[in-house]
PDB file of all heavy atoms in Angstrom:
ATOM      1  N   VAL A   1     103.903 -58.224 -58.461  1.00  0.00           N
ATOM      2  CA  VAL A   1     103.710 -57.188 -59.475  1.00  0.00           C
ATOM      3  C   VAL A   1     103.630 -55.801 -58.853  1.00  0.00           C
ATOM      4  O   VAL A   1     104.302 -54.876 -59.265  1.00  0.00           O
ATOM      5  CB  VAL A   1     102.444 -57.470 -60.301  1.00  0.00           C
ATOM      6  CG1 VAL A   1     102.144 -56.314 -61.264  1.00  0.00           C
ATOM      7  CG2 VAL A   1     102.591 -58.790 -61.058  1.00  0.00           C
ATOM      8  N   SER A   2     102.787 -55.677 -57.812  1.00  0.00           N
ATOM      9  CA  SER A   2     102.590 -54.382 -57.172  1.00  0.00           C
ATOM     10  C   SER A   2     101.911 -54.588 -55.829  1.00  0.00           C
ATOM     11  O   SER A   2     101.221 -55.570 -55.625  1.00  0.00           O
ATOM     12  CB  SER A   2     101.709 -53.489 -58.054  1.00  0.00           C
ATOM     13  OG  SER A   2     101.513 -52.207 -57.486  1.00  0.00           O
ATOM     14  N   CYS A   3     102.109 -53.666 -54.920  1.00  0.00           N
ATOM     15  CA  CYS A   3     101.415 -53.708 -53.635  1.00  0.00           C
ATOM     16  C   CYS A   3     101.199 -52.289 -53.119  1.00  0.00           C
ATOM     17  O   CYS A   3     101.848 -51.337 -53.550  1.00  0.00           O
ATOM     18  CB  CYS A   3     102.184 -54.542 -52.601  1.00  0.00           C
ATOM     19  SG  CYS A   3     103.685 -53.791 -51.964  1.00  0.00           S
ATOM     20  N   VAL A   4     100.279 -52.191 -52.179  1.00  0.00           N
ATOM     21  CA  VAL A   4     100.001 -50.929 -51.483  1.00  0.00           C
ATOM     22  C   VAL A   4     100.010 -51.215 -49.980  1.00  0.00           C
ATOM     23  O   VAL A   4      99.450 -52.187 -49.522  1.00  0.00           O
ATOM     24  CB  VAL A   4      98.671 -50.296 -51.962  1.00  0.00           C
ATOM     25  CG1 VAL A   4      97.499 -51.252 -51.758  1.00  0.00           C
ATOM     26  CG2 VAL A   4      98.412 -48.979 -51.230  1.00  0.00           C
ATOM     27  N   VAL A   5     100.668 -50.341 -49.245  1.00  0.00           N
ATOM     28  CA  VAL A   5     100.816 -50.492 -47.799  1.00  0.00           C
ATOM     29  C   VAL A   5      99.603 -49.889 -47.097  1.00  0.00           C
ATOM     30  O   VAL A   5      99.216 -48.744 -47.379  1.00  0.00           O
ATOM     31  CB  VAL A   5     102.107 -49.825 -47.315  1.00  0.00           C
ATOM     32  CG1 VAL A   5     102.257 -49.958 -45.811  1.00  0.00           C
ATOM     33  CG2 VAL A   5     103.295 -50.418 -48.014  1.00  0.00           C
ATOM     34  N   SER A   6      98.998 -50.645 -46.194  1.00  0.00           N
ATOM     35  CA  SER A   6      97.761 -50.203 -45.542  1.00  0.00           C
ATOM     36  C   SER A   6      97.954 -48.944 -44.705  1.00  0.00           C
ATOM     37  O   SER A   6      97.111 -48.065 -44.708  1.00  0.00           O
ATOM     38  CB  SER A   6      97.205 -51.331 -44.678  1.00  0.00           C
ATOM     39  OG  SER A   6      96.873 -52.472 -45.451  1.00  0.00           O
ATOM     40  N   GLU A   7      99.068 -48.862 -44.001  1.00  0.00           N
ATOM     41  CA  GLU A   7      99.267 -47.806 -43.036  1.00  0.00           C
ATOM     42  C   GLU A   7      99.320 -46.422 -43.670  1.00  0.00           C
ATOM     43  O   GLU A   7      98.686 -45.487 -43.169  1.00  0.00           O
ATOM     44  CB  GLU A   7     100.541 -48.051 -42.216  1.00  0.00           C
ATOM     45  CG  GLU A   7     100.801 -47.024 -41.140  1.00  0.00           C
ATOM     46  CD  GLU A   7     102.020 -47.335 -40.307  1.00  0.00           C
ATOM     47  OE1 GLU A   7     102.886 -48.088 -40.800  1.00  0.00           O
ATOM     48  OE2 GLU A   7     102.115 -46.846 -39.178  1.00  0.00           O
ATOM     49  N   ASP A   8     100.050 -46.286 -44.763  1.00  0.00           N
ATOM     50  CA  ASP A   8     100.257 -44.977 -45.335  1.00  0.00           C
ATOM     51  C   ASP A   8      99.945 -44.842 -46.803  1.00  0.00           C
ATOM     52  O   ASP A   8     100.110 -43.780 -47.383  1.00  0.00           O
ATOM     53  CB  ASP A   8     101.698 -44.499 -45.067  1.00  0.00           C
ATOM     54  CG  ASP A   8     102.745 -45.394 -45.701  1.00  0.00           C
ATOM     55  OD1 ASP A   8     102.387 -46.338 -46.433  1.00  0.00           O
ATOM     56  OD2 ASP A   8     103.942 -45.174 -45.444  1.00  0.00           O
ATOM     57  N   GLY A   9      99.523 -45.940 -47.432  1.00  0.00           N
ATOM     58  CA  GLY A   9      99.167 -45.915 -48.841  1.00  0.00           C
ATOM     59  C   GLY A   9     100.317 -45.935 -49.805  1.00  0.00           C
ATOM     60  O   GLY A   9     100.098 -45.757 -51.012  1.00  0.00           O
ATOM     61  N   SER A  10     101.535 -46.187 -49.343  1.00  0.00           N
ATOM     62  CA  SER A  10     102.673 -46.275 -50.214  1.00  0.00           C
ATOM     63  C   SER A  10     102.473 -47.411 -51.228  1.00  0.00           C
ATOM     64  O   SER A  10     101.939 -48.472 -50.884  1.00  0.00           O
ATOM     65  CB  SER A  10     103.958 -46.515 -49.428  1.00  0.00           C
ATOM     66  OG  SER A  10     104.218 -45.451 -48.550  1.00  0.00           O
ATOM     67  N   THR A  11     102.923 -47.197 -52.452  1.00  0.00           N
ATOM     68  CA  THR A  11     102.786 -48.188 -53.498  1.00  0.00           C
ATOM     69  C   THR A  11     104.159 -48.582 -54.024  1.00  0.00           C
ATOM     70  O   THR A  11     105.092 -47.769 -54.045  1.00  0.00           O
ATOM     71  CB  THR A  11     101.928 -47.690 -54.649  1.00  0.00           C
ATOM     72  OG1 THR A  11     102.474 -46.496 -55.194  1.00  0.00           O
ATOM     73  CG2 THR A  11     100.499 -47.401 -54.172  1.00  0.00           C
ATOM     74  N   TYR A  12     104.243 -49.819 -54.476  1.00  0.00           N
ATOM     75  CA  TYR A  12     105.481 -50.365 -54.997  1.00  0.00           C
ATOM     76  C   TYR A  12     105.188 -51.208 -56.229  1.00  0.00           C
ATOM     77  O   TYR A  12     104.119 -51.820 -56.324  1.00  0.00           O
ATOM     78  CB  TYR A  12     106.213 -51.207 -53.943  1.00  0.00           C
ATOM     79  CG  TYR A  12     106.590 -50.413 -52.716  1.00  0.00           C
ATOM     80  CD1 TYR A  12     105.747 -50.372 -51.613  1.00  0.00           C
ATOM     81  CD2 TYR A  12     107.758 -49.683 -52.675  1.00  0.00           C
ATOM     82  CE1 TYR A  12     106.078 -49.645 -50.490  1.00  0.00           C
ATOM     83  CE2 TYR A  12     108.092 -48.939 -51.562  1.00  0.00           C
ATOM     84  CZ  TYR A  12     107.247 -48.935 -50.484  1.00  0.00           C
ATOM     85  OH  TYR A  12     107.565 -48.177 -49.364  1.00  0.00           O
ATOM     86  N   TYR A  13     106.163 -51.250 -57.148  1.00  0.00           N
ATOM     87  CA  TYR A  13     105.993 -51.958 -58.389  1.00  0.00           C
ATOM     88  C   TYR A  13     107.236 -52.750 -58.755  1.00  0.00           C
ATOM     89  O   TYR A  13     108.348 -52.327 -58.470  1.00  0.00           O
ATOM     90  CB  TYR A  13     105.685 -50.984 -59.534  1.00  0.00           C
ATOM     91  CG  TYR A  13     104.433 -50.182 -59.362  1.00  0.00           C
ATOM     92  CD1 TYR A  13     104.426 -48.976 -58.690  1.00  0.00           C
ATOM     93  CD2 TYR A  13     103.209 -50.668 -59.847  1.00  0.00           C
ATOM     94  CE1 TYR A  13     103.270 -48.255 -58.509  1.00  0.00           C
ATOM     95  CE2 TYR A  13     102.053 -49.934 -59.681  1.00  0.00           C
ATOM     96  CZ  TYR A  13     102.077 -48.741 -59.012  1.00  0.00           C
ATOM     97  OH  TYR A  13     100.903 -48.024 -58.860  1.00  0.00           O
ATOM     98  N   ALA A  14     107.009 -53.889 -59.384  1.00  0.00           N
ATOM     99  CA  ALA A  14     108.122 -54.601 -59.984  1.00  0.00           C
ATOM    100  C   ALA A  14     108.705 -53.764 -61.141  1.00  0.00           C
ATOM    101  O   ALA A  14     107.988 -53.054 -61.825  1.00  0.00           O
ATOM    102  CB  ALA A  14     107.667 -55.948 -60.520  1.00  0.00           C
ATOM    103  N   ASP A  15     109.998 -53.901 -61.353  1.00  0.00           N
ATOM    104  CA  ASP A  15     110.648 -53.146 -62.412  1.00  0.00           C
ATOM    105  C   ASP A  15     110.022 -53.417 -63.781  1.00  0.00           C
ATOM    106  O   ASP A  15     109.961 -52.535 -64.632  1.00  0.00           O
ATOM    107  CB  ASP A  15     112.148 -53.468 -62.460  1.00  0.00           C
ATOM    108  CG  ASP A  15     112.904 -52.881 -61.291  1.00  0.00           C
ATOM    109  OD1 ASP A  15     112.388 -51.968 -60.608  1.00  0.00           O
ATOM    110  OD2 ASP A  15     114.041 -53.334 -61.037  1.00  0.00           O
ATOM    111  N   SER A  16     109.550 -54.635 -63.959  1.00  0.00           N
ATOM    112  CA  SER A  16     109.023 -55.034 -65.249  1.00  0.00           C
ATOM    113  C   SER A  16     107.722 -54.327 -65.618  1.00  0.00           C
ATOM    114  O   SER A  16     107.340 -54.296 -66.795  1.00  0.00           O
ATOM    115  CB  SER A  16     108.808 -56.559 -65.296  1.00  0.00           C
ATOM    116  OG  SER A  16     107.935 -56.963 -64.266  1.00  0.00           O
ATOM    117  N   VAL A  17     107.016 -53.750 -64.627  1.00  0.00           N
ATOM    118  CA  VAL A  17     105.726 -53.119 -64.897  1.00  0.00           C
ATOM    119  C   VAL A  17     105.724 -51.633 -64.545  1.00  0.00           C
ATOM    120  O   VAL A  17     104.738 -50.936 -64.854  1.00  0.00           O
ATOM    121  CB  VAL A  17     104.564 -53.817 -64.168  1.00  0.00           C
ATOM    122  CG1 VAL A  17     104.579 -55.324 -64.459  1.00  0.00           C
ATOM    123  CG2 VAL A  17     104.646 -53.581 -62.655  1.00  0.00           C
ATOM    124  N   LYS A  18     106.752 -51.133 -63.920  1.00  0.00           N
ATOM    125  CA  LYS A  18     106.793 -49.756 -63.486  1.00  0.00           C
ATOM    126  C   LYS A  18     106.616 -48.810 -64.678  1.00  0.00           C
ATOM    127  O   LYS A  18     107.270 -48.973 -65.711  1.00  0.00           O
ATOM    128  CB  LYS A  18     108.092 -49.445 -62.756  1.00  0.00           C
ATOM    129  CG  LYS A  18     108.113 -48.116 -62.061  1.00  0.00           C
ATOM    130  CD  LYS A  18     109.354 -47.929 -61.220  1.00  0.00           C
ATOM    131  CE  LYS A  18     109.342 -46.616 -60.456  1.00  0.00           C
ATOM    132  NZ  LYS A  18     110.552 -46.455 -59.627  1.00  0.00           N
ATOM    133  N   GLY A  19     105.724 -47.832 -64.512  1.00  0.00           N
ATOM    134  CA  GLY A  19     105.433 -46.901 -65.565  1.00  0.00           C
ATOM    135  C   GLY A  19     104.307 -47.340 -66.466  1.00  0.00           C
ATOM    136  O   GLY A  19     103.779 -46.522 -67.246  1.00  0.00           O
ATOM    137  N   ARG A  20     103.904 -48.588 -66.390  1.00  0.00           N
ATOM    138  CA  ARG A  20     102.806 -49.115 -67.197  1.00  0.00           C
ATOM    139  C   ARG A  20     101.587 -49.503 -66.359  1.00  0.00           C
ATOM    140  O   ARG A  20     100.461 -49.359 -66.829  1.00  0.00           O
ATOM    141  CB  ARG A  20     103.253 -50.345 -67.989  1.00  0.00           C
ATOM    142  CG  ARG A  20     104.409 -50.064 -68.948  1.00  0.00           C
ATOM    143  CD  ARG A  20     104.701 -51.266 -69.838  1.00  0.00           C
ATOM    144  NE  ARG A  20     105.125 -52.428 -69.067  1.00  0.00           N
ATOM    145  CZ  ARG A  20     104.496 -53.609 -69.056  1.00  0.00           C
ATOM    146  NH1 ARG A  20     103.404 -53.782 -69.800  1.00  0.00           N
ATOM    147  NH2 ARG A  20     104.968 -54.620 -68.333  1.00  0.00           N
ATOM    148  N   PHE A  21     101.804 -49.998 -65.142  1.00  0.00           N
ATOM    149  CA  PHE A  21     100.727 -50.450 -64.276  1.00  0.00           C
ATOM    150  C   PHE A  21     100.548 -49.473 -63.125  1.00  0.00           C
ATOM    151  O   PHE A  21     101.508 -48.841 -62.658  1.00  0.00           O
ATOM    152  CB  PHE A  21     101.034 -51.820 -63.688  1.00  0.00           C
ATOM    153  CG  PHE A  21     101.035 -52.976 -64.657  1.00  0.00           C
ATOM    154  CD1 PHE A  21     100.963 -52.775 -66.029  1.00  0.00           C
ATOM    155  CD2 PHE A  21     101.129 -54.276 -64.187  1.00  0.00           C
ATOM    156  CE1 PHE A  21     100.965 -53.836 -66.905  1.00  0.00           C
ATOM    157  CE2 PHE A  21     101.134 -55.347 -65.060  1.00  0.00           C
ATOM    158  CZ  PHE A  21     101.047 -55.130 -66.433  1.00  0.00           C
ATOM    159  N   THR A  22      99.302 -49.360 -62.636  1.00  0.00           N
ATOM    160  CA  THR A  22      98.992 -48.502 -61.495  1.00  0.00           C
ATOM    161  C   THR A  22      98.074 -49.249 -60.543  1.00  0.00           C
ATOM    162  O   THR A  22      97.011 -49.741 -60.966  1.00  0.00           O
ATOM    163  CB  THR A  22      98.322 -47.207 -61.924  1.00  0.00           C
ATOM    164  OG1 THR A  22      99.166 -46.501 -62.853  1.00  0.00           O
ATOM    165  CG2 THR A  22      98.078 -46.290 -60.719  1.00  0.00           C
ATOM    166  N   ILE A  23      98.486 -49.349 -59.281  1.00  0.00           N
ATOM    167  CA  ILE A  23      97.646 -49.970 -58.258  1.00  0.00           C
ATOM    168  C   ILE A  23      96.861 -48.887 -57.506  1.00  0.00           C
ATOM    169  O   ILE A  23      97.373 -47.768 -57.293  1.00  0.00           O
ATOM    170  CB  ILE A  23      98.487 -50.827 -57.284  1.00  0.00           C
ATOM    171  CG1 ILE A  23      97.603 -51.711 -56.409  1.00  0.00           C
ATOM    172  CG2 ILE A  23      99.399 -49.943 -56.441  1.00  0.00           C
ATOM    173  CD1 ILE A  23      98.394 -52.746 -55.616  1.00  0.00           C
ATOM    174  N   SER A  24      95.629 -49.182 -57.128  1.00  0.00           N
ATOM    175  CA  SER A  24      94.821 -48.216 -56.404  1.00  0.00           C
ATOM    176  C   SER A  24      93.761 -48.936 -55.571  1.00  0.00           C
ATOM    177  O   SER A  24      93.455 -50.095 -55.821  1.00  0.00           O
ATOM    178  CB  SER A  24      94.159 -47.206 -57.347  1.00  0.00           C
ATOM    179  OG  SER A  24      93.265 -47.864 -58.224  1.00  0.00           O
ATOM    180  N   ARG A  25      93.209 -48.208 -54.621  1.00  0.00           N
ATOM    181  CA  ARG A  25      92.102 -48.709 -53.784  1.00  0.00           C
ATOM    182  C   ARG A  25      90.986 -47.665 -53.770  1.00  0.00           C
ATOM    183  O   ARG A  25      91.237 -46.466 -53.897  1.00  0.00           O
ATOM    184  CB  ARG A  25      92.573 -48.983 -52.356  1.00  0.00           C
ATOM    185  CG  ARG A  25      93.661 -50.026 -52.257  1.00  0.00           C
ATOM    186  CD  ARG A  25      94.174 -50.141 -50.840  1.00  0.00           C
ATOM    187  NE  ARG A  25      93.157 -50.656 -49.934  1.00  0.00           N
ATOM    188  CZ  ARG A  25      93.321 -50.843 -48.636  1.00  0.00           C
ATOM    189  NH1 ARG A  25      94.495 -50.542 -48.091  1.00  0.00           N
ATOM    190  NH2 ARG A  25      92.346 -51.305 -47.894  1.00  0.00           N
ATOM    191  N   ASP A  26      89.740 -48.129 -53.581  1.00  0.00           N
ATOM    192  CA  ASP A  26      88.650 -47.170 -53.467  1.00  0.00           C
ATOM    193  C   ASP A  26      88.562 -46.611 -52.053  1.00  0.00           C
ATOM    194  O   ASP A  26      89.227 -47.113 -51.136  1.00  0.00           O
ATOM    195  CB  ASP A  26      87.322 -47.800 -53.920  1.00  0.00           C
ATOM    196  CG  ASP A  26      86.798 -48.843 -52.984  1.00  0.00           C
ATOM    197  OD1 ASP A  26      87.458 -49.168 -51.956  1.00  0.00           O
ATOM    198  OD2 ASP A  26      85.702 -49.408 -53.259  1.00  0.00           O
ATOM    199  N   SER A  27      87.767 -45.571 -51.875  1.00  0.00           N
ATOM    200  CA  SER A  27      87.717 -44.856 -50.605  1.00  0.00           C
ATOM    201  C   SER A  27      87.183 -45.706 -49.457  1.00  0.00           C
ATOM    202  O   SER A  27      87.546 -45.485 -48.295  1.00  0.00           O
ATOM    203  CB  SER A  27      86.865 -43.581 -50.750  1.00  0.00           C
ATOM    204  OG  SER A  27      85.543 -43.867 -51.148  1.00  0.00           O
ATOM    205  N   SER A  28      86.342 -46.663 -49.765  1.00  0.00           N
ATOM    206  CA  SER A  28      85.763 -47.540 -48.734  1.00  0.00           C
ATOM    207  C   SER A  28      86.684 -48.706 -48.370  1.00  0.00           C
ATOM    208  O   SER A  28      86.388 -49.473 -47.478  1.00  0.00           O
ATOM    209  CB  SER A  28      84.410 -48.070 -49.181  1.00  0.00           C
ATOM    210  OG  SER A  28      84.521 -48.888 -50.313  1.00  0.00           O
ATOM    211  N   LYS A  29      87.749 -48.865 -49.136  1.00  0.00           N
ATOM    212  CA  LYS A  29      88.780 -49.867 -48.898  1.00  0.00           C
ATOM    213  C   LYS A  29      88.252 -51.300 -49.025  1.00  0.00           C
ATOM    214  O   LYS A  29      88.774 -52.226 -48.389  1.00  0.00           O
ATOM    215  CB  LYS A  29      89.456 -49.665 -47.535  1.00  0.00           C
ATOM    216  CG  LYS A  29      90.138 -48.333 -47.397  1.00  0.00           C
ATOM    217  CD  LYS A  29      90.852 -48.199 -46.065  1.00  0.00           C
ATOM    218  CE  LYS A  29      91.539 -46.865 -45.939  1.00  0.00           C
ATOM    219  NZ  LYS A  29      92.254 -46.713 -44.657  1.00  0.00           N
TER     220      LYS A  29
END
């Protein structure tokens, strides 16, 4: 569905959810 890259915080989404879903992490990780 979605992922975030640890090194630089890049995010990626499946086409089926793009624009509707948002992935995020808190500051403490």
